[in-house]
Amino acid sequence: MLMPKLVQITALTMSSFCLRVAWASAGEPNLPNDFPGFIITQNAETAPGYLMGNVNSSVENVGDYFLILENSGEPVFYSKTRSLGDLTVNGLFASRREIPAQKKKYTWYLQNEDFNEVDVFNAGNGYMADNHDFQLLPNGHALMLIYDDSIIDMSQIVEGGFPAAVVTGAVIQELDTNKNVIFQWRSIDYIPITDSYRDITQKKFGYIHVNSVEFDPTDGNIILSCRETSEVVKISRMTGEVIWRMGGKKNEFTFVNEHEENAPRYFKLMHCVRRLANGNLTMFDNGADEAVGDQERAYSRAVEYALDEKNKTASLVWEYRNHPDIRTLTGGSVTRLSGGSTTINWGSAANAGQAPAMTEVDPNGQLVYDISPAQKGVTGQFNRIAWPLGSLSTTVTGYEILEGNKYIFNNDDAATGVALKITSYEGDRYNSVDVTRNPFAPLFPAFPDKPPRVLPVRVRIAGQQISSIYADISFDAESFGFATSDGEFGYADPNKLTVHYRPFEGQGLFMPLPTYYNSVTRQLKSTMIGFGEFIFCFPDIAEVPYAPLLIGPSHQALLNQELAVDFSWTPRGFGRSYHLQVSTNADFNDLVVDKSDLTQTRYSLDKVLPGTTYYWRVNTSNYGGTGEWATRSFSTAAPMIQVITPNGGEPWQRGLEYFIRWNDNLVENVTIKLYKGDTFVKKIATVPSNGVYEWEADLSVKAGDDYSIKIHSSTDESVADSSDAVFSLI
């Protein structure tokens, strides 16, 4: 474990809080000369723990640092070369790094307190992850967020839309412990582009901008923060369908106790939507954004809503608005701490030096603490964390264990909530048993069948001078937080919990143990068959094998017979494996491809016959069985181009912009040329073969009524087409 590095600095004293201090590091003998200083306000006692975060400097005399600080600003640890990311549910830290030669595409990795990389996650099915959010689940699965571009003819969707717009949507994936994608959801399949508040007539735009992905512990579904549609969306992991939409143009909720001056969009352009164990929802409500021209609201805030999902009401139960107001146009986060306090990061406002690096607020919405870099040109962001993480663990030792006796592993200083009644053991009479309770999910869990849901807590039991042991084991449900609905794990019904066990902490399969819950004594009871690691599990959402959604080739597409055919699809709900068949007849009697047990939602067929119609279909298998087929067809043809516009008779005015449009089945670029009669006038452009080019009819070209367009392959000029008739430049 990384040991804290304590550094002596000049003592700071504080009388009845209300400390505001700026200190410079240059005069401190134990600190680097470029160490940053801080301005701190403390009005009351903070939540336990240190501040962990980064400072970034644009001035020469202050460096960039990863820091762990006392409330006073005194460093516990600092480094210019090493840093930790966000603490995950299993006690590791998640960070991201950009994939080489892939702009804004990322790999996520996990590291421990010693900065050692212990796991890596990449998106699957040919996608690459975005950097906005990553969630590790207690059962070892991960949620990944992807930004995905599609070329869409927006002229068919909105007046003035670009015919080949690059529209960025979101893809959500759940990866299992083997890094296989078992759930995939695409926003473009469920959320209309017209629900966006962005200008969707642009050539390129992100229409939804999902910036947080939240696993809902209350029911096992997924909650998304969708900035550009200004809504919170809940989606079903079973079906992929939208369960509800809160906010935005398709709002389904009635808001209670909100500020009516902000109606009907009480929150908008938000970030960091999180579900608390009690079912409430927190978010950072940006309230404004320069990019979409929405700056009516002068402030951002942290908010908490109590949700009634049945009656679709959202009641504002808590908020924090800084005084004076802070407006954060991008970014921002809200984190609820275990004691009820809340930390707030102010995103772009903090990055611009216009807001604190962290604000801490008590349950009543009163400012407790904030910290800001003291020097101009230095910014930072912090969160509060217990450090080292081992300080959160509780260990109690029992000595000289004897058969038939019951031992409760609590004492005056610590309580594990675990009791053992020894059935038998082999070993020395002068023995000991250690019980350690850790408030994190297990590391690298594995299960023999469908993984269950797992509570983020683990228990390790070890013995000295004992070679084997059998005992009745009980876990106090009140101590562990799953006895009542308002407990830490109140979303887990103790009657449905099963204790799972593996002999070695951090490795191997967890096996279920016989478990029952005594509701009178509020004890979860099981049988201990050896020393090792114990966790608490309950069933995940059932899996139903729905027919997948086919993506490409599009239905009845005309494909280039000289190229490979790329098939792609996406599951509806869970998809563990897929069966792809390709045939030259609709009955699928003559199979060209028959691939089962595919774990990727993509497949490439290298060769196809010329001038042939193909039929293809895919079904999904998961723990619910195998589903129905989804079917499409396509045909093959020689490389071709077909000019659509201008194609005869169009009066185009010089100096204005018009769309040259065509169909093709090429992958290479195409070259567009202008002819007057049979005479070549000029090359207009060489562009990607996406079917549209916006051309400003040149003023330098003479007016005339005998112009035509020719488009040909950039690699083979014989693959070409021209306007069927002439058009005019006027």
Foldseek 3Di string as FASTA:
>chain_A
DDAWAFDDDDDDDQDQFQDWDWDQCCPGPRDDQQDFTKTKGFNDDFDDFWKWWWKPFPDDSHHTKTFTAHNVRGTRDIDRPAGFAPQAQFQWGKDWDADPPDPQFIKIFTDHPVRHTDGIAAAFQPFTFGHQEKHQALQGKIKTKGKDWDFAQCVVVDPLAHGGATEIWMKIFIAHLVNFTFAIATCVVAPPLVLFLADRNDNYDYRWPWRYWEQALLARWIWTCTARQFWIWIAGLAFRYTLAIDAGPRHPAAEAPADVVPPPRSAHSWHAWYAALLGKIKTWGLQAAVNSPGCPDPAIKIWIWRADSVNRYTYTDDMAADVVGDHARDDKYWDQDPVGKIKIARPVCQVQVNDFLIWIAHNRRHTRMTMATPDPRMGMHIDGDHPPLVVQKFKAKDWQDDAQDKDARQDPVGHPQKMKHFHDWDFDSGKMKMKMKHQHRAASEDAPAPRFRWHGIKIFMDMDRTDWTKTKMKGQCVVVFCLDCPGNNVSDNLQQKWKWWDAEGNDDYTDTFDWGADNVRRIIITMDGGGGMITIGGHHDDHDWEAWAWDPDDFAAEAAQQAKGKTFIRGRNTFQWKWKWKAQDPVSPHTPDTDTRHSHRMDIGGGDDEFTKMKMWMWGQDPNGIYDIDIGMYTYHHWAKAWDPPQAAAEAEAQAKDKGFIDTNDQAWKWKWKDQAPHTDGTQDTGGRSGIDIGRRHPVDDWDFRMKMKMAGPVDRVRIDMRNGTGTYD
